[in-house]
C-alpha atoms as a PDB file:
ATOM      1  CA  MET A   1     142.784  85.700  73.216  1.00  0.00           C
ATOM      2  CA  PRO A   2     141.215  88.271  75.540  1.00  0.00           C
ATOM      3  CA  GLN A   3     139.021  85.674  77.267  1.00  0.00           C
ATOM      4  CA  LEU A   4     142.066  84.257  79.039  1.00  0.00           C
ATOM      5  CA  ASN A   5     143.071  87.595  80.513  1.00  0.00           C
ATOM      6  CA  PRO A   6     141.407  87.668  83.968  1.00  0.00           C
ATOM      7  CA  ASN A   7     142.117  91.339  84.613  1.00  0.00           C
ATOM      8  CA  PRO A   8     138.969  92.977  83.241  1.00  0.00           C
ATOM      9  CA  TRP A   9     136.309  90.479  84.289  1.00  0.00           C
ATOM     10  CA  LEU A  10     137.735  89.036  87.516  1.00  0.00           C
ATOM     11  CA  PHE A  11     137.476  92.354  89.330  1.00  0.00           C
ATOM     12  CA  ILE A  12     133.884  92.826  88.186  1.00  0.00           C
ATOM     13  CA  PHE A  13     133.001  89.283  89.228  1.00  0.00           C
ATOM     14  CA  ILE A  14     134.534  89.639  92.691  1.00  0.00           C
ATOM     15  CA  MET A  15     132.981  93.051  93.277  1.00  0.00           C
ATOM     16  CA  SER A  16     129.548  91.830  92.281  1.00  0.00           C
ATOM     17  CA  TRP A  17     129.788  89.021  94.843  1.00  0.00           C
ATOM     18  CA  VAL A  18     131.025  91.447  97.490  1.00  0.00           C
ATOM     19  CA  ILE A  19     128.038  93.695  96.824  1.00  0.00           C
ATOM     20  CA  TYR A  20     125.736  90.715  96.921  1.00  0.00           C
ATOM     21  CA  LEU A  21     127.109  89.370 100.194  1.00  0.00           C
ATOM     22  CA  ILE A  22     127.422  92.675 102.018  1.00  0.00           C
ATOM     23  CA  ILE A  23     124.361  94.599 100.851  1.00  0.00           C
ATOM     24  CA  LEU A  24     121.713  92.216  99.588  1.00  0.00           C
ATOM     25  CA  THR A  25     122.054  89.337 102.053  1.00  0.00           C
ATOM     26  CA  PRO A  26     121.097  91.337 105.175  1.00  0.00           C
ATOM     27  CA  LYS A  27     118.206  92.952 103.317  1.00  0.00           C
ATOM     28  CA  VAL A  28     116.824  89.606 102.262  1.00  0.00           C
ATOM     29  CA  SER A  29     117.312  88.037 105.682  1.00  0.00           C
ATOM     30  CA  ASN A  30     115.464  90.907 107.389  1.00  0.00           C
ATOM     31  CA  LEU A  31     112.280  90.299 105.452  1.00  0.00           C
ATOM     32  CA  LYS A  32     109.415  89.260 107.671  1.00  0.00           C
ATOM     33  CA  VAL A  33     107.854  85.880 107.097  1.00  0.00           C
ATOM     34  CA  LEU A  34     104.116  86.482 106.803  1.00  0.00           C
ATOM     35  CA  ASN A  35     102.936  82.934 107.441  1.00  0.00           C
ATOM     36  CA  GLU A  36     104.834  81.775 110.494  1.00  0.00           C
ATOM     37  CA  PRO A  37     104.050  78.191 111.451  1.00  0.00           C
ATOM     38  CA  MET A  38     101.865  77.779 114.504  1.00  0.00           C
ATOM     39  CA  ALA A  39     102.613  75.230 117.201  1.00  0.00           C
ATOM     40  CA  GLN A  40     100.301  72.275 116.932  1.00  0.00           C
ATOM     41  CA  ASN A  41      98.267  71.143 119.873  1.00  0.00           C
ATOM     42  CA  MET A  42      99.956  68.052 121.265  1.00  0.00           C
ATOM     43  CA  ASN A  43      96.848  66.817 123.120  1.00  0.00           C
ATOM     44  CA  MET A  44      95.276  63.894 121.336  1.00  0.00           C
ATOM     45  CA  SER A  45      91.525  64.136 121.120  1.00  0.00           C
ATOM     46  CA  VAL A  46      89.499  61.055 121.952  1.00  0.00           C
ATOM     47  CA  THR A  47      87.582  59.844 118.943  1.00  0.00           C
ATOM     48  CA  GLN A  48      84.410  57.814 119.050  1.00  0.00           C
ATOM     49  CA  PRO A  49      84.284  54.554 117.107  1.00  0.00           C
ATOM     50  CA  TRP A  50      82.007  54.541 114.100  1.00  0.00           C
ATOM     51  CA  ASN A  51      79.322  51.913 114.281  1.00  0.00           C
ATOM     52  CA  TRP A  52      78.534  50.178 111.021  1.00  0.00           C
ATOM     53  CA  PRO A  53      74.746  49.712 110.902  1.00  0.00           C
ATOM     54  CA  TRP A  54      74.832  46.895 108.317  1.00  0.00           C
ATOM     55  CA  THR A  55      77.166  44.551 110.212  1.00  0.00           C
END
């Protein structure tokens, strides 16, 4: 059964992960995030109470 022989496919599997980890990971991590989150204003604004005219 050739499926049990790890020689042909194990090398290809390991090399594909090596290529992925060495080449593609830095390229993906260097991409710029276009929508960076902005810091929210921590000051609480004073709100006016709403008067109910029918009460």
